[in-house]
PDB file of N, CA and C in Angstrom:
ATOM      1  N   MET A   1     -12.641  22.719  27.686  1.00  0.00           N
ATOM      2  CA  MET A   1     -12.578  20.908  27.629  1.00  0.00           C
ATOM      3  C   MET A   1     -11.278  20.898  28.429  1.00  0.00           C
ATOM      4  N   GLY A   2     -11.567  19.059  29.437  1.00  0.00           N
ATOM      5  CA  GLY A   2     -10.692  18.933  29.955  1.00  0.00           C
ATOM      6  C   GLY A   2      -9.911  18.025  28.532  1.00  0.00           C
ATOM      7  N   SER A   3      -8.368  17.896  29.042  1.00  0.00           N
ATOM      8  CA  SER A   3      -8.155  16.746  28.441  1.00  0.00           C
ATOM      9  C   SER A   3      -8.532  15.652  27.867  1.00  0.00           C
ATOM     10  N   CYS A   4      -8.448  14.961  28.489  1.00  0.00           N
ATOM     11  CA  CYS A   4      -9.206  13.301  28.143  1.00  0.00           C
ATOM     12  C   CYS A   4     -10.651  13.691  26.547  1.00  0.00           C
ATOM     13  N   ALA A   5     -11.181  14.685  27.298  1.00  0.00           N
ATOM     14  CA  ALA A   5     -12.693  15.044  26.309  1.00  0.00           C
ATOM     15  C   ALA A   5     -11.666  15.170  25.186  1.00  0.00           C
ATOM     16  N   LEU A   6     -11.014  16.157  25.351  1.00  0.00           N
ATOM     17  CA  LEU A   6     -10.356  16.972  24.152  1.00  0.00           C
ATOM     18  C   LEU A   6      -9.799  15.315  22.776  1.00  0.00           C
ATOM     19  N   LEU A   7      -8.771  14.488  24.193  1.00  0.00           N
ATOM     20  CA  LEU A   7      -8.412  13.478  23.084  1.00  0.00           C
ATOM     21  C   LEU A   7      -9.272  12.305  22.765  1.00  0.00           C
ATOM     22  N   ALA A   8     -10.654  12.410  23.387  1.00  0.00           N
ATOM     23  CA  ALA A   8     -11.842  11.316  22.552  1.00  0.00           C
ATOM     24  C   ALA A   8     -12.320  12.477  21.389  1.00  0.00           C
ATOM     25  N   LEU A   9     -12.355  14.024  21.557  1.00  0.00           N
ATOM     26  CA  LEU A   9     -13.421  14.152  20.413  1.00  0.00           C
ATOM     27  C   LEU A   9     -11.797  13.798  18.963  1.00  0.00           C
ATOM     28  N   LEU A  10     -10.561  14.144  19.426  1.00  0.00           N
ATOM     29  CA  LEU A  10      -9.844  14.466  18.254  1.00  0.00           C
ATOM     30  C   LEU A  10      -9.783  12.894  17.923  1.00  0.00           C
ATOM     31  N   VAL A  11      -9.555  11.485  18.667  1.00  0.00           N
ATOM     32  CA  VAL A  11      -9.988  10.254  17.980  1.00  0.00           C
ATOM     33  C   VAL A  11     -11.149   9.706  17.059  1.00  0.00           C
ATOM     34  N   ALA A  12     -11.930  10.438  17.392  1.00  0.00           N
ATOM     35  CA  ALA A  12     -13.658  10.590  16.783  1.00  0.00           C
ATOM     36  C   ALA A  12     -13.207  10.931  15.791  1.00  0.00           C
ATOM     37  N   LEU A  13     -12.963  12.281  15.464  1.00  0.00           N
ATOM     38  CA  LEU A  13     -13.004  12.965  14.394  1.00  0.00           C
ATOM     39  C   LEU A  13     -12.071  12.085  13.419  1.00  0.00           C
ATOM     40  N   MET A  14     -10.524  11.743  13.900  1.00  0.00           N
ATOM     41  CA  MET A  14     -10.175  10.881  12.898  1.00  0.00           C
ATOM     42  C   MET A  14     -10.770   9.944  12.479  1.00  0.00           C
ATOM     43  N   ALA A  15     -11.285   8.735  13.135  1.00  0.00           N
ATOM     44  CA  ALA A  15     -11.758   7.957  12.682  1.00  0.00           C
ATOM     45  C   ALA A  15     -13.036   8.389  12.213  1.00  0.00           C
ATOM     46  N   HIS A  16     -13.922   9.397  11.902  1.00  0.00           N
ATOM     47  CA  HIS A  16     -14.641   9.260  10.904  1.00  0.00           C
ATOM     48  C   HIS A  16     -13.788  10.354   9.264  1.00  0.00           C
ATOM     49  N   GLN A  17     -13.060  10.576   9.685  1.00  0.00           N
ATOM     50  CA  GLN A  17     -11.779  11.207   8.254  1.00  0.00           C
ATOM     51  C   GLN A  17     -12.202  10.103   7.766  1.00  0.00           C
ATOM     52  N   ARG A  18     -10.933   8.848   8.462  1.00  0.00           N
ATOM     53  CA  ARG A  18     -10.582   7.660   7.749  1.00  0.00           C
ATOM     54  C   ARG A  18     -11.678   6.977   6.789  1.00  0.00           C
ATOM     55  N   THR A  19     -13.213   6.751   7.978  1.00  0.00           N
ATOM     56  CA  THR A  19     -14.353   6.453   7.406  1.00  0.00           C
ATOM     57  C   THR A  19     -14.816   6.929   5.952  1.00  0.00           C
ATOM     58  N   THR A  20     -14.637   8.215   5.995  1.00  0.00           N
ATOM     59  CA  THR A  20     -15.561   8.990   5.197  1.00  0.00           C
ATOM     60  C   THR A  20     -14.394   9.123   3.615  1.00  0.00           C
ATOM     61  N   THR A  21     -13.250   8.786   3.952  1.00  0.00           N
ATOM     62  CA  THR A  21     -12.205   9.097   3.212  1.00  0.00           C
ATOM     63  C   THR A  21     -12.439   8.030   2.193  1.00  0.00           C
ATOM     64  N   ASP A  22     -12.564   6.304   3.044  1.00  0.00           N
ATOM     65  CA  ASP A  22     -12.125   5.204   2.492  1.00  0.00           C
ATOM     66  C   ASP A  22     -13.960   5.118   1.381  1.00  0.00           C
ATOM     67  N   ALA A  23     -14.664   5.368   2.153  1.00  0.00           N
ATOM     68  CA  ALA A  23     -16.260   5.654   1.953  1.00  0.00           C
ATOM     69  C   ALA A  23     -16.433   6.347   0.458  1.00  0.00           C
ATOM     70  N   LEU A  24     -15.682   7.400  -0.052  1.00  0.00           N
ATOM     71  CA  LEU A  24     -15.671   8.222  -0.983  1.00  0.00           C
ATOM     72  C   LEU A  24     -14.440   7.610  -2.174  1.00  0.00           C
ATOM     73  N   SER A  25     -13.491   6.762  -1.553  1.00  0.00           N
ATOM     74  CA  SER A  25     -12.414   6.201  -2.293  1.00  0.00           C
ATOM     75  C   SER A  25     -12.684   5.067  -3.712  1.00  0.00           C
ATOM     76  N   CYS A  26     -13.301   4.312  -2.668  1.00  0.00           N
ATOM     77  CA  CYS A  26     -13.513   2.775  -3.160  1.00  0.00           C
ATOM     78  C   CYS A  26     -15.348   2.769  -2.851  1.00  0.00           C
ATOM     79  N   LEU A  27     -15.747   3.571  -3.923  1.00  0.00           N
ATOM     80  CA  LEU A  27     -17.694   3.200  -4.004  1.00  0.00           C
ATOM     81  C   LEU A  27     -17.530   1.470  -4.538  1.00  0.00           C
ATOM     82  N   ALA A  28     -19.016   1.084  -3.939  1.00  0.00           N
ATOM     83  CA  ALA A  28     -19.892  -0.172  -4.395  1.00  0.00           C
ATOM     84  C   ALA A  28     -19.562  -0.528  -5.460  1.00  0.00           C
ATOM     85  N   ASN A  29     -19.602   0.325  -6.301  1.00  0.00           N
ATOM     86  CA  ASN A  29     -19.598  -0.083  -7.848  1.00  0.00           C
ATOM     87  C   ASN A  29     -18.219   0.406  -8.585  1.00  0.00           C
ATOM     88  N   GLY A  30     -17.403   0.578  -7.890  1.00  0.00           N
ATOM     89  CA  GLY A  30     -16.258   1.655  -8.387  1.00  0.00           C
ATOM     90  C   GLY A  30     -15.432   0.801  -9.420  1.00  0.00           C
ATOM     91  N   CYS A  31     -15.171  -0.771  -9.457  1.00  0.00           N
ATOM     92  CA  CYS A  31     -14.159  -1.709 -10.134  1.00  0.00           C
ATOM     93  C   CYS A  31     -15.203  -1.119 -11.202  1.00  0.00           C
ATOM     94  N   ALA A  32     -16.552  -1.262 -11.439  1.00  0.00           N
ATOM     95  CA  ALA A  32     -17.102  -1.289 -12.641  1.00  0.00           C
ATOM     96  C   ALA A  32     -17.124  -0.207 -13.576  1.00  0.00           C
ATOM     97  N   LEU A  33     -16.572   0.935 -12.995  1.00  0.00           N
ATOM     98  CA  LEU A  33     -15.802   2.336 -13.861  1.00  0.00           C
ATOM     99  C   LEU A  33     -14.441   1.943 -13.909  1.00  0.00           C
ATOM    100  N   VAL A  34     -13.312   1.028 -13.632  1.00  0.00           N
ATOM    101  CA  VAL A  34     -12.598   1.168 -13.673  1.00  0.00           C
ATOM    102  C   VAL A  34     -12.116   0.233 -15.137  1.00  0.00           C
ATOM    103  N   ASP A  35     -11.057   0.625 -16.015  1.00  0.00           N
ATOM    104  CA  ASP A  35     -10.223  -0.339 -17.095  1.00  0.00           C
ATOM    105  C   ASP A  35      -9.120  -0.999 -16.761  1.00  0.00           C
ATOM    106  N   CYS A  36      -8.914  -2.094 -15.985  1.00  0.00           N
ATOM    107  CA  CYS A  36      -7.932  -2.945 -16.057  1.00  0.00           C
ATOM    108  C   CYS A  36      -6.951  -3.063 -17.154  1.00  0.00           C
ATOM    109  N   ASP A  37      -5.523  -2.691 -16.962  1.00  0.00           N
ATOM    110  CA  ASP A  37      -5.163  -3.588 -17.459  1.00  0.00           C
ATOM    111  C   ASP A  37      -4.330  -5.013 -17.907  1.00  0.00           C
ATOM    112  N   ALA A  38      -4.989  -5.643 -18.780  1.00  0.00           N
ATOM    113  CA  ALA A  38      -5.121  -6.968 -19.141  1.00  0.00           C
ATOM    114  C   ALA A  38      -3.713  -7.601 -18.965  1.00  0.00           C
ATOM    115  N   SER A  39      -2.713  -6.993 -19.907  1.00  0.00           N
ATOM    116  CA  SER A  39      -2.096  -7.685 -19.898  1.00  0.00           C
ATOM    117  C   SER A  39      -1.116  -8.038 -19.045  1.00  0.00           C
ATOM    118  N   VAL A  40      -1.148  -7.331 -17.531  1.00  0.00           N
ATOM    119  CA  VAL A  40      -0.767  -7.209 -16.353  1.00  0.00           C
ATOM    120  C   VAL A  40      -0.936  -8.616 -16.107  1.00  0.00           C
ATOM    121  N   THR A  41       0.434  -9.774 -15.465  1.00  0.00           N
ATOM    122  CA  THR A  41      -0.341 -11.309 -15.181  1.00  0.00           C
ATOM    123  C   THR A  41       1.246 -11.573 -14.012  1.00  0.00           C
ATOM    124  N   ALA A  42       1.133 -12.752 -13.490  1.00  0.00           N
ATOM    125  CA  ALA A  42       2.105 -13.277 -13.322  1.00  0.00           C
ATOM    126  C   ALA A  42       2.767 -13.335 -13.929  1.00  0.00           C
ATOM    127  N   ALA A  43       2.826 -14.322 -15.039  1.00  0.00           N
ATOM    128  CA  ALA A  43       3.970 -14.486 -15.571  1.00  0.00           C
ATOM    129  C   ALA A  43       5.158 -13.540 -16.185  1.00  0.00           C
ATOM    130  N   ASN A  44       3.966 -12.501 -16.859  1.00  0.00           N
ATOM    131  CA  ASN A  44       5.127 -10.933 -17.157  1.00  0.00           C
ATOM    132  C   ASN A  44       5.579  -9.892 -15.979  1.00  0.00           C
ATOM    133  N   CYS A  45       4.928 -10.671 -14.758  1.00  0.00           N
ATOM    134  CA  CYS A  45       5.186  -9.966 -13.741  1.00  0.00           C
ATOM    135  C   CYS A  45       7.171 -10.226 -12.987  1.00  0.00           C
ATOM    136  N   VAL A  46       8.248 -10.326 -13.805  1.00  0.00           N
ATOM    137  CA  VAL A  46       9.216 -11.027 -13.648  1.00  0.00           C
ATOM    138  C   VAL A  46      10.043 -10.103 -12.376  1.00  0.00           C
ATOM    139  N   ASP A  47      10.023  -9.172 -12.308  1.00  0.00           N
ATOM    140  CA  ASP A  47      11.299  -7.825 -11.818  1.00  0.00           C
ATOM    141  C   ASP A  47      10.318  -7.204 -10.464  1.00  0.00           C
ATOM    142  N   GLY A  48       8.975  -7.808 -10.403  1.00  0.00           N
ATOM    143  CA  GLY A  48       8.481  -6.942  -9.211  1.00  0.00           C
ATOM    144  C   GLY A  48       7.796  -8.095  -8.701  1.00  0.00           C
ATOM    145  N   GLU A  49       6.449  -7.786  -8.003  1.00  0.00           N
ATOM    146  CA  GLU A  49       5.710  -8.740  -7.181  1.00  0.00           C
ATOM    147  C   GLU A  49       4.151  -8.873  -7.580  1.00  0.00           C
ATOM    148  N   PHE A  50       3.268  -9.966  -8.412  1.00  0.00           N
ATOM    149  CA  PHE A  50       2.171 -10.036  -8.559  1.00  0.00           C
ATOM    150  C   PHE A  50       0.825 -10.357  -7.875  1.00  0.00           C
ATOM    151  N   ARG A  51       0.113  -9.373  -8.036  1.00  0.00           N
ATOM    152  CA  ARG A  51      -1.408  -9.207  -6.592  1.00  0.00           C
ATOM    153  C   ARG A  51      -2.391  -9.430  -7.659  1.00  0.00           C
ATOM    154  N   GLU A  52      -3.199  -9.996  -6.957  1.00  0.00           N
ATOM    155  CA  GLU A  52      -3.948  -9.831  -7.998  1.00  0.00           C
ATOM    156  C   GLU A  52      -5.070  -9.676  -7.115  1.00  0.00           C
ATOM    157  N   ASN A  53      -6.058  -8.482  -8.221  1.00  0.00           N
ATOM    158  CA  ASN A  53      -6.573  -7.950  -7.345  1.00  0.00           C
ATOM    159  C   ASN A  53      -5.876  -7.146  -6.322  1.00  0.00           C
ATOM    160  N   GLY A  54      -4.722  -6.202  -6.566  1.00  0.00           N
ATOM    161  CA  GLY A  54      -4.140  -5.854  -5.871  1.00  0.00           C
ATOM    162  C   GLY A  54      -3.677  -4.070  -5.776  1.00  0.00           C
ATOM    163  N   SER A  55      -4.515  -3.627  -6.787  1.00  0.00           N
ATOM    164  CA  SER A  55      -4.565  -2.025  -6.611  1.00  0.00           C
ATOM    165  C   SER A  55      -5.426  -1.504  -6.021  1.00  0.00           C
ATOM    166  N   ALA A  56      -5.528  -0.205  -5.612  1.00  0.00           N
ATOM    167  CA  ALA A  56      -6.414   0.586  -5.451  1.00  0.00           C
ATOM    168  C   ALA A  56      -7.578   0.058  -4.957  1.00  0.00           C
ATOM    169  N   CYS A  57      -8.302   0.024  -4.370  1.00  0.00           N
ATOM    170  CA  CYS A  57      -9.730  -0.526  -4.289  1.00  0.00           C
ATOM    171  C   CYS A  57     -10.086  -2.090  -4.681  1.00  0.00           C
ATOM    172  N   TYR A  58      -9.149  -2.821  -4.916  1.00  0.00           N
ATOM    173  CA  TYR A  58      -9.126  -4.180  -5.220  1.00  0.00           C
ATOM    174  C   TYR A  58      -9.338  -4.724  -6.650  1.00  0.00           C
ATOM    175  N   CYS A  59      -9.226  -3.695  -7.288  1.00  0.00           N
ATOM    176  CA  CYS A  59      -9.974  -3.804  -9.005  1.00  0.00           C
ATOM    177  C   CYS A  59      -9.414  -4.597 -10.115  1.00  0.00           C
ATOM    178  N   CYS A  60      -8.254  -5.046 -10.092  1.00  0.00           N
ATOM    179  CA  CYS A  60      -7.319  -4.742 -10.837  1.00  0.00           C
ATOM    180  C   CYS A  60      -6.186  -5.438 -10.175  1.00  0.00           C
ATOM    181  N   ASP A  61      -4.993  -6.627 -11.451  1.00  0.00           N
ATOM    182  CA  ASP A  61      -4.373  -7.439 -10.724  1.00  0.00           C
ATOM    183  C   ASP A  61      -3.251  -5.932 -11.345  1.00  0.00           C
ATOM    184  N   ILE A  62      -1.995  -6.115 -10.125  1.00  0.00           N
ATOM    185  CA  ILE A  62      -1.034  -4.819 -10.090  1.00  0.00           C
ATOM    186  C   ILE A  62       0.168  -5.950 -10.256  1.00  0.00           C
ATOM    187  N   CYS A  63       1.433  -5.747 -10.549  1.00  0.00           N
ATOM    188  CA  CYS A  63       2.350  -5.768 -10.731  1.00  0.00           C
ATOM    189  C   CYS A  63       3.684  -4.864 -10.027  1.00  0.00           C
ATOM    190  N   ILE A  64       3.831  -4.672  -9.070  1.00  0.00           N
ATOM    191  CA  ILE A  64       4.579  -3.648  -8.547  1.00  0.00           C
ATOM    192  C   ILE A  64       6.259  -3.991  -8.617  1.00  0.00           C
ATOM    193  N   PRO A  65       6.953  -3.244  -8.610  1.00  0.00           N
ATOM    194  CA  PRO A  65       8.201  -3.193  -9.301  1.00  0.00           C
ATOM    195  C   PRO A  65       8.982  -3.096  -8.208  1.00  0.00           C
ATOM    196  N   TYR A  66      10.014  -4.029  -8.104  1.00  0.00           N
ATOM    197  CA  TYR A  66      11.259  -3.918  -6.750  1.00  0.00           C
ATOM    198  C   TYR A  66      12.437  -2.754  -7.219  1.00  0.00           C
ATOM    199  N   VAL A  67      12.781  -2.478  -6.405  1.00  0.00           N
ATOM    200  CA  VAL A  67      14.220  -1.496  -6.068  1.00  0.00           C
ATOM    201  C   VAL A  67      15.169  -1.989  -5.478  1.00  0.00           C
ATOM    202  N   GLY A  68      16.299  -1.659  -5.141  1.00  0.00           N
ATOM    203  CA  GLY A  68      17.494  -2.200  -4.892  1.00  0.00           C
ATOM    204  C   GLY A  68      17.704  -1.467  -3.659  1.00  0.00           C
ATOM    205  N   ALA A  69      18.873  -1.932  -3.498  1.00  0.00           N
ATOM    206  CA  ALA A  69      19.448  -1.681  -1.630  1.00  0.00           C
ATOM    207  C   ALA A  69      19.528   0.223  -2.095  1.00  0.00           C
ATOM    208  N   GLY A  70      19.469   1.021  -0.717  1.00  0.00           N
ATOM    209  CA  GLY A  70      19.516   1.985  -1.270  1.00  0.00           C
ATOM    210  C   GLY A  70      18.606   3.282  -1.481  1.00  0.00           C
ATOM    211  N   SER A  71      17.469   2.177  -2.359  1.00  0.00           N
ATOM    212  CA  SER A  71      16.588   3.161  -3.099  1.00  0.00           C
ATOM    213  C   SER A  71      15.541   3.919  -2.261  1.00  0.00           C
ATOM    214  N   ARG A  72      14.731   4.291  -1.992  1.00  0.00           N
ATOM    215  CA  ARG A  72      13.559   5.137  -1.422  1.00  0.00           C
ATOM    216  C   ARG A  72      12.142   3.940  -1.221  1.00  0.00           C
ATOM    217  N   CYS A  73      11.782   3.984   0.141  1.00  0.00           N
ATOM    218  CA  CYS A  73      10.583   2.544  -0.169  1.00  0.00           C
ATOM    219  C   CYS A  73       9.580   3.337   1.215  1.00  0.00           C
ATOM    220  N   VAL A  74       8.267   2.623   1.296  1.00  0.00           N
ATOM    221  CA  VAL A  74       7.426   3.089   2.397  1.00  0.00           C
ATOM    222  C   VAL A  74       6.881   2.135   2.493  1.00  0.00           C
ATOM    223  N   VAL A  75       7.029   1.957   4.077  1.00  0.00           N
ATOM    224  CA  VAL A  75       6.752   0.583   4.964  1.00  0.00           C
ATOM    225  C   VAL A  75       5.385   0.561   4.349  1.00  0.00           C
ATOM    226  N   GLU A  76       4.012  -0.602   3.960  1.00  0.00           N
ATOM    227  CA  GLU A  76       2.809  -0.620   3.264  1.00  0.00           C
ATOM    228  C   GLU A  76       2.373  -0.911   4.903  1.00  0.00           C
ATOM    229  N   GLN A  77       1.201  -0.162   4.770  1.00  0.00           N
ATOM    230  CA  GLN A  77       0.128  -0.196   5.559  1.00  0.00           C
ATOM    231  C   GLN A  77      -1.046  -1.118   5.355  1.00  0.00           C
ATOM    232  N   ALA A  78      -0.784  -2.516   6.233  1.00  0.00           N
ATOM    233  CA  ALA A  78      -2.236  -3.148   6.065  1.00  0.00           C
ATOM    234  C   ALA A  78      -3.710  -2.504   5.929  1.00  0.00           C
ATOM    235  N   GLY A  79      -4.259  -2.850   4.961  1.00  0.00           N
ATOM    236  CA  GLY A  79      -5.732  -2.221   4.895  1.00  0.00           C
ATOM    237  C   GLY A  79      -5.942  -0.497   4.426  1.00  0.00           C
ATOM    238  N   ALA A  80      -5.026  -0.271   3.957  1.00  0.00           N
ATOM    239  CA  ALA A  80      -4.844   0.950   3.558  1.00  0.00           C
ATOM    240  C   ALA A  80      -5.209   1.482   2.455  1.00  0.00           C
ATOM    241  N   GLY A  81      -5.332   0.225   1.709  1.00  0.00           N
ATOM    242  CA  GLY A  81      -6.552   0.411   0.535  1.00  0.00           C
ATOM    243  C   GLY A  81      -5.661   0.734  -0.875  1.00  0.00           C
ATOM    244  N   VAL A  82      -4.640   1.284  -0.826  1.00  0.00           N
ATOM    245  CA  VAL A  82      -3.440   1.893  -1.979  1.00  0.00           C
ATOM    246  C   VAL A  82      -1.646   0.767  -2.079  1.00  0.00           C
ATOM    247  N   PRO A  83      -1.835   0.112  -2.683  1.00  0.00           N
ATOM    248  CA  PRO A  83      -0.661  -0.571  -3.084  1.00  0.00           C
ATOM    249  C   PRO A  83       0.565   0.395  -2.961  1.00  0.00           C
ATOM    250  N   PRO A  84       2.024  -0.097  -2.304  1.00  0.00           N
ATOM    251  CA  PRO A  84       2.974   0.974  -2.649  1.00  0.00           C
ATOM    252  C   PRO A  84       3.462   1.225  -4.500  1.00  0.00           C
ATOM    253  N   ALA A  85       4.270   1.911  -4.168  1.00  0.00           N
ATOM    254  CA  ALA A  85       4.446   2.629  -6.005  1.00  0.00           C
ATOM    255  C   ALA A  85       5.450   1.057  -6.150  1.00  0.00           C
ATOM    256  N   THR A  86       6.895   0.878  -5.161  1.00  0.00           N
ATOM    257  CA  THR A  86       7.622  -0.190  -5.442  1.00  0.00           C
ATOM    258  C   THR A  86       7.926  -1.129  -3.797  1.00  0.00           C
ATOM    259  N   LEU A  87       8.297  -1.988  -3.934  1.00  0.00           N
ATOM    260  CA  LEU A  87       8.825  -2.673  -2.898  1.00  0.00           C
ATOM    261  C   LEU A  87      10.653  -2.900  -3.220  1.00  0.00           C
ATOM    262  N   CYS A  88      10.289  -3.209  -1.649  1.00  0.00           N
ATOM    263  CA  CYS A  88      12.375  -3.260  -1.925  1.00  0.00           C
ATOM    264  C   CYS A  88      12.469  -4.732  -2.040  1.00  0.00           C
ATOM    265  N   ARG A  89      13.433  -5.163  -3.340  1.00  0.00           N
ATOM    266  CA  ARG A  89      14.002  -6.364  -3.790  1.00  0.00           C
ATOM    267  C   ARG A  89      13.806  -7.499  -2.705  1.00  0.00           C
ATOM    268  N   PRO A  90      13.735  -8.061  -2.181  1.00  0.00           N
ATOM    269  CA  PRO A  90      14.061  -9.665  -1.507  1.00  0.00           C
ATOM    270  C   PRO A  90      15.575  -9.918  -1.609  1.00  0.00           C
ATOM    271  N   PRO A  91      15.985 -10.274  -0.560  1.00  0.00           N
ATOM    272  CA  PRO A  91      15.484  -9.886   0.774  1.00  0.00           C
ATOM    273  C   PRO A  91      15.544  -8.677   1.505  1.00  0.00           C
ATOM    274  N   LEU A  92      15.629  -8.166   0.837  1.00  0.00           N
ATOM    275  CA  LEU A  92      16.058  -5.867   1.535  1.00  0.00           C
ATOM    276  C   LEU A  92      14.743  -5.574   2.383  1.00  0.00           C
ATOM    277  N   GLN A  93      14.979  -5.066   3.057  1.00  0.00           N
ATOM    278  CA  GLN A  93      13.594  -4.569   3.836  1.00  0.00           C
ATOM    279  C   GLN A  93      13.454  -2.599   3.848  1.00  0.00           C
ATOM    280  N   CYS A  94      12.465  -2.740   4.197  1.00  0.00           N
ATOM    281  CA  CYS A  94      12.365  -1.112   3.983  1.00  0.00           C
ATOM    282  C   CYS A  94      12.727  -0.553   5.538  1.00  0.00           C
ATOM    283  N   ARG A  95      13.659   0.009   5.590  1.00  0.00           N
ATOM    284  CA  ARG A  95      14.034   0.532   7.346  1.00  0.00           C
ATOM    285  C   ARG A  95      14.462   2.053   7.112  1.00  0.00           C
ATOM    286  N   SER A  96      13.589   3.038   8.081  1.00  0.00           N
ATOM    287  CA  SER A  96      14.182   4.375   7.793  1.00  0.00           C
ATOM    288  C   SER A  96      14.280   5.293   6.585  1.00  0.00           C
ATOM    289  N   GLY A  97      13.455   4.659   5.546  1.00  0.00           N
ATOM    290  CA  GLY A  97      12.670   5.100   3.732  1.00  0.00           C
ATOM    291  C   GLY A  97      13.840   4.416   3.220  1.00  0.00           C
ATOM    292  N   ARG A  98      14.167   3.842   3.660  1.00  0.00           N
ATOM    293  CA  ARG A  98      15.460   2.852   2.611  1.00  0.00           C
ATOM    294  C   ARG A  98      15.637   1.796   2.576  1.00  0.00           C
ATOM    295  N   CYS A  99      15.552   1.111   1.609  1.00  0.00           N
ATOM    296  CA  CYS A  99      15.629  -0.562   1.190  1.00  0.00           C
ATOM    297  C   CYS A  99      17.151  -1.093   1.902  1.00  0.00           C
ATOM    298  N   ARG A 100      17.041  -1.925   2.550  1.00  0.00           N
ATOM    299  CA  ARG A 100      18.281  -1.959   3.454  1.00  0.00           C
ATOM    300  C   ARG A 100      18.691  -3.594   3.489  1.00  0.00           C
ATOM    301  N   LYS A 101      19.544  -3.814   3.723  1.00  0.00           N
ATOM    302  CA  LYS A 101      20.110  -5.522   4.082  1.00  0.00           C
ATOM    303  C   LYS A 101      19.303  -6.109   5.516  1.00  0.00           C
ATOM    304  N   GLN A 102      18.485  -6.877   5.651  1.00  0.00           N
ATOM    305  CA  GLN A 102      18.027  -6.943   6.763  1.00  0.00           C
ATOM    306  C   GLN A 102      19.272  -7.255   8.013  1.00  0.00           C
ATOM    307  N   ARG A 103      18.702  -6.829   8.905  1.00  0.00           N
ATOM    308  CA  ARG A 103      19.653  -7.139  10.481  1.00  0.00           C
ATOM    309  C   ARG A 103      20.356  -7.952  10.327  1.00  0.00           C
ATOM    310  N   GLY A 104      21.249  -8.518  10.566  1.00  0.00           N
ATOM    311  CA  GLY A 104      21.777  -9.617  11.217  1.00  0.00           C
ATOM    312  C   GLY A 104      22.235 -10.445   9.789  1.00  0.00           C
ATOM    313  N   SER A 105      22.173  -9.741   8.847  1.00  0.00           N
ATOM    314  CA  SER A 105      22.103 -10.833   7.188  1.00  0.00           C
ATOM    315  C   SER A 105      23.512 -10.558   6.397  1.00  0.00           C
ATOM    316  N   ALA A 106      24.135 -11.082   5.856  1.00  0.00           N
ATOM    317  CA  ALA A 106      25.350 -11.775   5.588  1.00  0.00           C
ATOM    318  C   ALA A 106      25.586 -11.548   4.165  1.00  0.00           C
ATOM    319  N   GLU A 107      24.680 -10.593   3.773  1.00  0.00           N
ATOM    320  CA  GLU A 107      24.446 -10.348   2.319  1.00  0.00           C
ATOM    321  C   GLU A 107      24.920  -8.803   2.113  1.00  0.00           C
TER     322      GLU A 107
END
């Protein structure tokens, strides 16, 4: 099999894996089976970022806690369907797996 055909097959398999995983993770009626914590509100999310319907599969409101400089972090992937466990406290940014000052920042 030529390298172009092999690459096309690999891309197709990866796309299928992503579609299958997303379909299994977030079922059409999945939120009906989830018991959300009603105590999570914007008002009581004082040391984190409140996200309305921000949980996995967008079922529940969540408060993602902030972590400080030097803490481990993961850059959030848009459309991944799973929120990060923590976020870097603003104005820090997640770079190289750690929360760090913004480049060029005097803070």
